[in-house]
All heavy atoms as atom14 arrays in JSON, in Angstrom:
{
  "sequence": "IVEIRSYAFKNCPKLATINLEGVDFIREGAFYGCSALENVSF",
  "atom14_mask": [
    [1, 1, 1, 1, 1, 1, 1, 1, 0, 0, 0, 0, 0, 0],
    [1, 1, 1, 1, 1, 1, 1, 0, 0, 0, 0, 0, 0, 0],
    [1, 1, 1, 1, 1, 1, 1, 1, 1, 0, 0, 0, 0, 0],
    [1, 1, 1, 1, 1, 1, 1, 1, 0, 0, 0, 0, 0, 0],
    [1, 1, 1, 1, 1, 1, 1, 1, 1, 1, 1, 0, 0, 0],
    [1, 1, 1, 1, 1, 1, 0, 0, 0, 0, 0, 0, 0, 0],
    [1, 1, 1, 1, 1, 1, 1, 1, 1, 1, 1, 1, 0, 0],
    [1, 1, 1, 1, 1, 0, 0, 0, 0, 0, 0, 0, 0, 0],
    [1, 1, 1, 1, 1, 1, 1, 1, 1, 1, 1, 0, 0, 0],
    [1, 1, 1, 1, 1, 1, 1, 1, 1, 0, 0, 0, 0, 0],
    [1, 1, 1, 1, 1, 1, 1, 1, 0, 0, 0, 0, 0, 0],
    [1, 1, 1, 1, 1, 1, 0, 0, 0, 0, 0, 0, 0, 0],
    [1, 1, 1, 1, 1, 1, 1, 0, 0, 0, 0, 0, 0, 0],
    [1, 1, 1, 1, 1, 1, 1, 1, 1, 0, 0, 0, 0, 0],
    [1, 1, 1, 1, 1, 1, 1, 1, 0, 0, 0, 0, 0, 0],
    [1, 1, 1, 1, 1, 0, 0, 0, 0, 0, 0, 0, 0, 0],
    [1, 1, 1, 1, 1, 1, 1, 0, 0, 0, 0, 0, 0, 0],
    [1, 1, 1, 1, 1, 1, 1, 1, 0, 0, 0, 0, 0, 0],
    [1, 1, 1, 1, 1, 1, 1, 1, 0, 0, 0, 0, 0, 0],
    [1, 1, 1, 1, 1, 1, 1, 1, 0, 0, 0, 0, 0, 0],
    [1, 1, 1, 1, 1, 1, 1, 1, 1, 0, 0, 0, 0, 0],
    [1, 1, 1, 1, 0, 0, 0, 0, 0, 0, 0, 0, 0, 0],
    [1, 1, 1, 1, 1, 1, 1, 0, 0, 0, 0, 0, 0, 0],
    [1, 1, 1, 1, 1, 1, 1, 1, 0, 0, 0, 0, 0, 0],
    [1, 1, 1, 1, 1, 1, 1, 1, 1, 1, 1, 0, 0, 0],
    [1, 1, 1, 1, 1, 1, 1, 1, 0, 0, 0, 0, 0, 0],
    [1, 1, 1, 1, 1, 1, 1, 1, 1, 1, 1, 0, 0, 0],
    [1, 1, 1, 1, 1, 1, 1, 1, 1, 0, 0, 0, 0, 0],
    [1, 1, 1, 1, 0, 0, 0, 0, 0, 0, 0, 0, 0, 0],
    [1, 1, 1, 1, 1, 0, 0, 0, 0, 0, 0, 0, 0, 0],
    [1, 1, 1, 1, 1, 1, 1, 1, 1, 1, 1, 0, 0, 0],
    [1, 1, 1, 1, 1, 1, 1, 1, 1, 1, 1, 1, 0, 0],
    [1, 1, 1, 1, 0, 0, 0, 0, 0, 0, 0, 0, 0, 0],
    [1, 1, 1, 1, 1, 1, 0, 0, 0, 0, 0, 0, 0, 0],
    [1, 1, 1, 1, 1, 1, 0, 0, 0, 0, 0, 0, 0, 0],
    [1, 1, 1, 1, 1, 0, 0, 0, 0, 0, 0, 0, 0, 0],
    [1, 1, 1, 1, 1, 1, 1, 1, 0, 0, 0, 0, 0, 0],
    [1, 1, 1, 1, 1, 1, 1, 1, 1, 0, 0, 0, 0, 0],
    [1, 1, 1, 1, 1, 1, 1, 1, 0, 0, 0, 0, 0, 0],
    [1, 1, 1, 1, 1, 1, 1, 0, 0, 0, 0, 0, 0, 0],
    [1, 1, 1, 1, 1, 1, 0, 0, 0, 0, 0, 0, 0, 0],
    [1, 1, 1, 1, 1, 1, 1, 1, 1, 1, 1, 0, 0, 0]
  ],
  "atom14_positions": [
    [[48.16, -7.08, -23.81], [49.18, -7.22, -24.83], [50.1, -8.31, -24.51], [50.88, -8.24, -23.37], [49.94, -5.94, -25.1], [49.04, -4.72, -25.45], [51.07, -6.05, -26.15], [48.41, -4.81, -26.83], [0.0, 0.0, 0.0], [0.0, 0.0, 0.0], [0.0, 0.0, 0.0], [0.0, 0.0, 0.0], [0.0, 0.0, 0.0], [0.0, 0.0, 0.0]],
    [[50.13, -9.38, -25.29], [51.08, -10.43, -24.94], [52.12, -10.66, -26.04], [53.13, -11.42, -25.89], [50.37, -11.8, -24.8], [49.42, -11.7, -23.54], [49.55, -12.19, -26.03], [0.0, 0.0, 0.0], [0.0, 0.0, 0.0], [0.0, 0.0, 0.0], [0.0, 0.0, 0.0], [0.0, 0.0, 0.0], [0.0, 0.0, 0.0], [0.0, 0.0, 0.0]],
    [[52.12, -9.87, -27.11], [53.1, -9.94, -28.1], [53.39, -8.49, -28.71], [52.43, -7.81, -28.91], [52.51, -10.85, -29.24], [53.41, -10.87, -30.51], [52.85, -11.71, -31.59], [51.82, -12.36, -31.35], [53.39, -11.79, -32.65], [0.0, 0.0, 0.0], [0.0, 0.0, 0.0], [0.0, 0.0, 0.0], [0.0, 0.0, 0.0], [0.0, 0.0, 0.0]],
    [[54.63, -8.2, -28.79], [55.03, -7.01, -29.62], [55.43, -7.52, -31.01], [56.42, -8.13, -31.16], [56.12, -6.16, -28.91], [55.76, -5.96, -27.41], [56.47, -4.94, -29.73], [54.66, -4.99, -27.14], [0.0, 0.0, 0.0], [0.0, 0.0, 0.0], [0.0, 0.0, 0.0], [0.0, 0.0, 0.0], [0.0, 0.0, 0.0], [0.0, 0.0, 0.0]],
    [[54.71, -7.01, -31.92], [55.02, -7.44, -33.41], [56.19, -6.9, -33.97], [56.69, -5.84, -33.56], [53.74, -7.28, -34.18], [52.61, -8.09, -33.79], [51.49, -8.01, -34.75], [50.44, -8.88, -34.37], [49.18, -9.04, -34.95], [48.98, -8.29, -35.96], [48.41, -9.89, -34.51], [0.0, 0.0, 0.0], [0.0, 0.0, 0.0], [0.0, 0.0, 0.0]],
    [[56.68, -7.53, -35.05], [57.86, -7.03, -35.76], [57.77, -5.67, -36.14], [56.73, -5.16, -36.72], [58.06, -7.86, -36.97], [58.31, -9.21, -36.65], [0.0, 0.0, 0.0], [0.0, 0.0, 0.0], [0.0, 0.0, 0.0], [0.0, 0.0, 0.0], [0.0, 0.0, 0.0], [0.0, 0.0, 0.0], [0.0, 0.0, 0.0], [0.0, 0.0, 0.0]],
    [[58.78, -4.92, -35.8], [59.05, -3.41, -36.15], [57.94, -2.58, -35.65], [57.7, -1.49, -36.19], [59.21, -3.33, -37.66], [60.37, -4.1, -38.1], [60.17, -5.4, -38.74], [61.65, -3.77, -37.85], [61.32, -6.17, -39.02], [62.78, -4.44, -38.32], [62.56, -5.79, -38.9], [63.61, -6.51, -39.23], [0.0, 0.0, 0.0], [0.0, 0.0, 0.0]],
    [[57.19, -2.95, -34.58], [55.98, -2.18, -34.08], [56.51, -0.8, -33.6], [55.76, 0.13, -33.83], [55.4, -2.93, -32.86], [0.0, 0.0, 0.0], [0.0, 0.0, 0.0], [0.0, 0.0, 0.0], [0.0, 0.0, 0.0], [0.0, 0.0, 0.0], [0.0, 0.0, 0.0], [0.0, 0.0, 0.0], [0.0, 0.0, 0.0], [0.0, 0.0, 0.0]],
    [[57.7, -0.59, -33.05], [58.16, 0.72, -32.53], [59.33, 1.17, -33.41], [60.05, 2.05, -32.91], [58.46, 0.66, -31.12], [57.19, 0.44, -30.19], [56.8, -0.85, -29.87], [56.42, 1.42, -29.78], [55.7, -1.07, -29.06], [55.26, 1.29, -28.98], [54.95, -0.02, -28.62], [0.0, 0.0, 0.0], [0.0, 0.0, 0.0], [0.0, 0.0, 0.0]],
    [[59.6, 0.66, -34.53], [60.73, 0.86, -35.31], [60.98, 2.44, -35.5], [60.06, 3.2, -35.72], [60.59, 0.25, -36.72], [61.93, 0.55, -37.5], [61.67, 0.01, -38.94], [62.97, 0.25, -39.8], [62.77, -0.18, -41.12], [0.0, 0.0, 0.0], [0.0, 0.0, 0.0], [0.0, 0.0, 0.0], [0.0, 0.0, 0.0], [0.0, 0.0, 0.0]],
    [[62.25, 2.75, -35.17], [62.67, 4.2, -35.25], [61.78, 5.31, -34.48], [61.8, 6.36, -34.92], [62.8, 4.61, -36.64], [63.88, 3.8, -37.42], [65.01, 3.51, -36.92], [63.58, 3.49, -38.79], [0.0, 0.0, 0.0], [0.0, 0.0, 0.0], [0.0, 0.0, 0.0], [0.0, 0.0, 0.0], [0.0, 0.0, 0.0], [0.0, 0.0, 0.0]],
    [[61.23, 4.79, -33.38], [60.54, 5.79, -32.53], [61.51, 6.57, -31.72], [62.19, 6.06, -30.83], [59.57, 4.96, -31.57], [58.53, 6.06, -30.6], [0.0, 0.0, 0.0], [0.0, 0.0, 0.0], [0.0, 0.0, 0.0], [0.0, 0.0, 0.0], [0.0, 0.0, 0.0], [0.0, 0.0, 0.0], [0.0, 0.0, 0.0], [0.0, 0.0, 0.0]],
    [[61.66, 7.84, -32.06], [62.78, 8.68, -31.51], [62.57, 9.11, -30.07], [63.53, 9.58, -29.43], [62.91, 9.92, -32.37], [61.39, 10.07, -32.92], [60.87, 8.63, -33.04], [0.0, 0.0, 0.0], [0.0, 0.0, 0.0], [0.0, 0.0, 0.0], [0.0, 0.0, 0.0], [0.0, 0.0, 0.0], [0.0, 0.0, 0.0], [0.0, 0.0, 0.0]],
    [[61.35, 9.08, -29.61], [61.0, 9.53, -28.21], [60.8, 8.5, -27.19], [60.69, 8.75, -25.89], [59.77, 10.54, -28.27], [59.98, 11.71, -29.08], [58.83, 12.64, -29.06], [59.22, 13.84, -29.83], [58.14, 14.82, -29.79], [0.0, 0.0, 0.0], [0.0, 0.0, 0.0], [0.0, 0.0, 0.0], [0.0, 0.0, 0.0], [0.0, 0.0, 0.0]],
    [[60.64, 7.23, -27.55], [60.57, 6.16, -26.61], [61.82, 5.94, -25.78], [62.82, 5.58, -26.37], [60.18, 4.83, -27.28], [59.87, 3.68, -26.52], [58.64, 3.82, -25.59], [59.61, 2.45, -27.4], [0.0, 0.0, 0.0], [0.0, 0.0, 0.0], [0.0, 0.0, 0.0], [0.0, 0.0, 0.0], [0.0, 0.0, 0.0], [0.0, 0.0, 0.0]],
    [[61.75, 6.22, -24.47], [62.89, 6.09, -23.59], [62.9, 4.92, -22.63], [63.76, 4.35, -22.21], [63.2, 7.48, -22.9], [0.0, 0.0, 0.0], [0.0, 0.0, 0.0], [0.0, 0.0, 0.0], [0.0, 0.0, 0.0], [0.0, 0.0, 0.0], [0.0, 0.0, 0.0], [0.0, 0.0, 0.0], [0.0, 0.0, 0.0], [0.0, 0.0, 0.0]],
    [[61.58, 4.57, -22.13], [61.36, 3.65, -21.15], [60.09, 2.9, -21.52], [59.02, 3.36, -22.01], [61.16, 4.28, -19.81], [62.32, 5.01, -19.45], [60.87, 3.26, -18.7], [0.0, 0.0, 0.0], [0.0, 0.0, 0.0], [0.0, 0.0, 0.0], [0.0, 0.0, 0.0], [0.0, 0.0, 0.0], [0.0, 0.0, 0.0], [0.0, 0.0, 0.0]],
    [[60.08, 1.45, -21.34], [58.94, 0.65, -21.61], [58.94, -0.56, -20.65], [59.96, -1.11, -20.39], [58.78, 0.22, -23.06], [57.45, -0.27, -23.35], [59.94, -0.65, -23.5], [57.0, -0.33, -24.73], [0.0, 0.0, 0.0], [0.0, 0.0, 0.0], [0.0, 0.0, 0.0], [0.0, 0.0, 0.0], [0.0, 0.0, 0.0], [0.0, 0.0, 0.0]],
    [[57.72, -0.73, -20.12], [57.5, -1.91, -19.29], [56.83, -3.04, -20.09], [55.7, -2.89, -20.51], [56.64, -1.53, -18.06], [56.36, -2.63, -17.12], [56.58, -3.85, -17.41], [55.91, -2.43, -16.0], [0.0, 0.0, 0.0], [0.0, 0.0, 0.0], [0.0, 0.0, 0.0], [0.0, 0.0, 0.0], [0.0, 0.0, 0.0], [0.0, 0.0, 0.0]],
    [[57.55, -4.15, -20.3], [56.94, -5.27, -21.11], [56.67, -6.45, -20.28], [56.62, -7.61, -20.79], [57.98, -5.57, -22.2], [58.24, -4.51, -23.19], [59.4, -4.88, -24.1], [57.01, -4.05, -23.93], [0.0, 0.0, 0.0], [0.0, 0.0, 0.0], [0.0, 0.0, 0.0], [0.0, 0.0, 0.0], [0.0, 0.0, 0.0], [0.0, 0.0, 0.0]],
    [[56.53, -6.24, -18.87], [56.08, -7.39, -18.08], [54.79, -7.98, -18.55], [53.82, -7.1, -18.7], [56.19, -6.91, -16.57], [57.68, -6.58, -16.18], [57.7, -6.03, -14.83], [56.69, -6.13, -13.99], [58.8, -5.5, -14.51], [0.0, 0.0, 0.0], [0.0, 0.0, 0.0], [0.0, 0.0, 0.0], [0.0, 0.0, 0.0], [0.0, 0.0, 0.0]],
    [[54.64, -9.14, -18.61], [53.37, -9.7, -19.1], [53.34, -10.04, -20.53], [52.5, -10.84, -21.04], [0.0, 0.0, 0.0], [0.0, 0.0, 0.0], [0.0, 0.0, 0.0], [0.0, 0.0, 0.0], [0.0, 0.0, 0.0], [0.0, 0.0, 0.0], [0.0, 0.0, 0.0], [0.0, 0.0, 0.0], [0.0, 0.0, 0.0], [0.0, 0.0, 0.0]],
    [[54.39, -9.52, -21.28], [54.56, -9.78, -22.68], [55.32, -11.12, -22.92], [56.28, -11.28, -22.25], [55.21, -8.65, -23.41], [55.61, -8.99, -24.87], [54.45, -7.32, -23.32], [0.0, 0.0, 0.0], [0.0, 0.0, 0.0], [0.0, 0.0, 0.0], [0.0, 0.0, 0.0], [0.0, 0.0, 0.0], [0.0, 0.0, 0.0], [0.0, 0.0, 0.0]],
    [[54.78, -12.01, -23.7], [55.45, -13.35, -23.93], [56.35, -13.31, -25.1], [57.28, -14.17, -25.15], [54.25, -14.35, -24.23], [53.44, -14.58, -23.02], [53.78, -14.37, -21.88], [52.25, -14.75, -23.28], [0.0, 0.0, 0.0], [0.0, 0.0, 0.0], [0.0, 0.0, 0.0], [0.0, 0.0, 0.0], [0.0, 0.0, 0.0], [0.0, 0.0, 0.0]],
    [[56.06, -12.51, -26.1], [56.98, -12.49, -27.36], [57.31, -10.99, -27.75], [56.4, -10.17, -27.76], [56.28, -13.12, -28.46], [55.85, -14.57, -28.32], [54.63, -14.9, -27.8], [56.73, -15.6, -28.52], [54.24, -16.19, -27.57], [56.34, -16.85, -28.26], [55.23, -17.26, -27.78], [0.0, 0.0, 0.0], [0.0, 0.0, 0.0], [0.0, 0.0, 0.0]],
    [[58.55, -10.79, -28.02], [59.06, -9.57, -28.64], [59.6, -9.92, -29.93], [60.65, -10.67, -29.92], [60.07, -8.85, -27.78], [59.4, -8.56, -26.39], [60.53, -7.59, -28.41], [60.41, -8.04, -25.25], [0.0, 0.0, 0.0], [0.0, 0.0, 0.0], [0.0, 0.0, 0.0], [0.0, 0.0, 0.0], [0.0, 0.0, 0.0], [0.0, 0.0, 0.0]],
    [[58.93, -9.57, -30.97], [59.28, -10.12, -32.32], [60.46, -9.35, -32.96], [60.88, -8.26, -32.56], [57.99, -10.05, -33.23], [56.86, -10.92, -32.87], [57.27, -12.37, -32.78], [56.09, -13.17, -32.46], [56.24, -14.45, -32.09], [57.39, -15.03, -32.13], [55.17, -15.15, -31.76], [0.0, 0.0, 0.0], [0.0, 0.0, 0.0], [0.0, 0.0, 0.0]],
    [[60.94, -9.78, -34.11], [62.05, -9.34, -34.85], [62.0, -7.79, -35.01], [60.94, -7.26, -35.54], [62.1, -10.08, -36.16], [63.17, -9.47, -37.15], [63.27, -10.16, -38.43], [62.34, -11.08, -38.72], [64.0, -9.84, -39.29], [0.0, 0.0, 0.0], [0.0, 0.0, 0.0], [0.0, 0.0, 0.0], [0.0, 0.0, 0.0], [0.0, 0.0, 0.0]],
    [[62.84, -7.08, -34.67], [63.16, -5.7, -34.82], [62.08, -4.87, -34.22], [61.84, -3.57, -34.66], [0.0, 0.0, 0.0], [0.0, 0.0, 0.0], [0.0, 0.0, 0.0], [0.0, 0.0, 0.0], [0.0, 0.0, 0.0], [0.0, 0.0, 0.0], [0.0, 0.0, 0.0], [0.0, 0.0, 0.0], [0.0, 0.0, 0.0], [0.0, 0.0, 0.0]],
    [[61.39, -5.35, -33.22], [60.25, -4.57, -32.55], [60.66, -3.18, -32.12], [59.83, -2.24, -32.21], [59.78, -5.4, -31.45], [0.0, 0.0, 0.0], [0.0, 0.0, 0.0], [0.0, 0.0, 0.0], [0.0, 0.0, 0.0], [0.0, 0.0, 0.0], [0.0, 0.0, 0.0], [0.0, 0.0, 0.0], [0.0, 0.0, 0.0], [0.0, 0.0, 0.0]],
    [[61.84, -2.96, -31.65], [62.33, -1.66, -31.2], [63.57, -1.22, -31.99], [64.38, -0.28, -31.56], [62.59, -1.74, -29.66], [61.44, -2.04, -28.93], [61.07, -3.34, -28.46], [60.52, -1.03, -28.51], [59.86, -3.66, -27.81], [59.38, -1.27, -27.72], [59.1, -2.62, -27.43], [0.0, 0.0, 0.0], [0.0, 0.0, 0.0], [0.0, 0.0, 0.0]],
    [[63.73, -1.75, -33.18], [64.81, -1.32, -34.01], [64.97, 0.16, -34.15], [64.01, 0.86, -34.58], [64.62, -2.09, -35.36], [65.8, -1.81, -36.34], [66.88, -2.78, -36.29], [65.85, -0.62, -37.07], [67.91, -2.52, -37.23], [66.91, -0.38, -37.93], [67.95, -1.28, -37.99], [68.97, -1.09, -38.87], [0.0, 0.0, 0.0], [0.0, 0.0, 0.0]],
    [[66.17, 0.62, -33.9], [66.41, 2.09, -34.13], [65.78, 3.02, -33.08], [65.81, 4.27, -33.42], [0.0, 0.0, 0.0], [0.0, 0.0, 0.0], [0.0, 0.0, 0.0], [0.0, 0.0, 0.0], [0.0, 0.0, 0.0], [0.0, 0.0, 0.0], [0.0, 0.0, 0.0], [0.0, 0.0, 0.0], [0.0, 0.0, 0.0], [0.0, 0.0, 0.0]],
    [[65.28, 2.54, -32.09], [64.74, 3.4, -30.96], [65.93, 4.03, -30.19], [66.26, 3.58, -29.09], [63.77, 2.69, -30.12], [62.25, 2.22, -30.9], [0.0, 0.0, 0.0], [0.0, 0.0, 0.0], [0.0, 0.0, 0.0], [0.0, 0.0, 0.0], [0.0, 0.0, 0.0], [0.0, 0.0, 0.0], [0.0, 0.0, 0.0], [0.0, 0.0, 0.0]],
    [[66.5, 5.06, -30.65], [67.71, 5.56, -30.18], [67.78, 6.12, -28.81], [68.78, 6.09, -28.03], [68.3, 6.62, -31.18], [67.42, 7.66, -31.37], [0.0, 0.0, 0.0], [0.0, 0.0, 0.0], [0.0, 0.0, 0.0], [0.0, 0.0, 0.0], [0.0, 0.0, 0.0], [0.0, 0.0, 0.0], [0.0, 0.0, 0.0], [0.0, 0.0, 0.0]],
    [[66.55, 6.56, -28.24], [66.35, 7.05, -26.96], [66.1, 6.09, -25.86], [66.1, 6.26, -24.73], [65.35, 8.19, -26.87], [0.0, 0.0, 0.0], [0.0, 0.0, 0.0], [0.0, 0.0, 0.0], [0.0, 0.0, 0.0], [0.0, 0.0, 0.0], [0.0, 0.0, 0.0], [0.0, 0.0, 0.0], [0.0, 0.0, 0.0], [0.0, 0.0, 0.0]],
    [[65.8, 4.75, -26.31], [65.47, 3.74, -25.43], [66.66, 3.35, -24.47], [67.68, 2.97, -24.95], [64.95, 2.59, -26.3], [64.25, 1.36, -25.49], [63.13, 1.82, -24.72], [63.96, 0.22, -26.38], [0.0, 0.0, 0.0], [0.0, 0.0, 0.0], [0.0, 0.0, 0.0], [0.0, 0.0, 0.0], [0.0, 0.0, 0.0], [0.0, 0.0, 0.0]],
    [[66.34, 3.53, -23.19], [67.4, 3.2, -22.21], [66.9, 2.23, -21.08], [67.76, 1.63, -20.56], [67.8, 4.47, -21.5], [68.61, 5.41, -22.46], [69.14, 6.69, -21.86], [68.89, 6.86, -20.61], [69.73, 7.46, -22.54], [0.0, 0.0, 0.0], [0.0, 0.0, 0.0], [0.0, 0.0, 0.0], [0.0, 0.0, 0.0], [0.0, 0.0, 0.0]],
    [[65.61, 2.19, -20.9], [65.17, 1.26, -19.84], [63.99, 0.39, -20.31], [62.99, 0.88, -20.82], [64.51, 2.17, -18.68], [65.59, 3.15, -18.05], [66.61, 2.51, -17.66], [65.38, 4.33, -18.09], [0.0, 0.0, 0.0], [0.0, 0.0, 0.0], [0.0, 0.0, 0.0], [0.0, 0.0, 0.0], [0.0, 0.0, 0.0], [0.0, 0.0, 0.0]],
    [[64.2, -0.92, -20.12], [63.18, -1.89, -20.56], [63.12, -2.92, -19.42], [64.12, -3.35, -18.89], [63.62, -2.6, -21.89], [62.6, -3.68, -22.2], [63.7, -1.59, -23.06], [0.0, 0.0, 0.0], [0.0, 0.0, 0.0], [0.0, 0.0, 0.0], [0.0, 0.0, 0.0], [0.0, 0.0, 0.0], [0.0, 0.0, 0.0], [0.0, 0.0, 0.0]],
    [[61.89, -3.27, -19.12], [61.68, -4.34, -18.14], [60.76, -5.36, -18.72], [59.79, -4.96, -19.41], [61.02, -3.75, -16.81], [59.88, -3.18, -17.05], [0.0, 0.0, 0.0], [0.0, 0.0, 0.0], [0.0, 0.0, 0.0], [0.0, 0.0, 0.0], [0.0, 0.0, 0.0], [0.0, 0.0, 0.0], [0.0, 0.0, 0.0], [0.0, 0.0, 0.0]],
    [[61.16, -6.6, -18.5], [60.35, -7.66, -19.05], [60.5, -8.95, -18.19], [61.46, -9.02, -17.48], [60.56, -8.0, -20.54], [62.14, -8.12, -20.85], [62.78, -9.3, -20.69], [62.79, -7.06, -21.47], [64.16, -9.31, -20.92], [64.11, -7.14, -21.83], [64.79, -8.28, -21.58], [0.0, 0.0, 0.0], [0.0, 0.0, 0.0], [0.0, 0.0, 0.0]]
  ]
}
């Protein structure tokens, strides 16, 4: 996976941590509204 497309995880209520190392593009609104998201690495 080298790209996270627009709104791919929109409003995902359980996503708290995600490792995006190796991803080149994080598109518009990819994690919009993921209220539990606290840890991201890229």
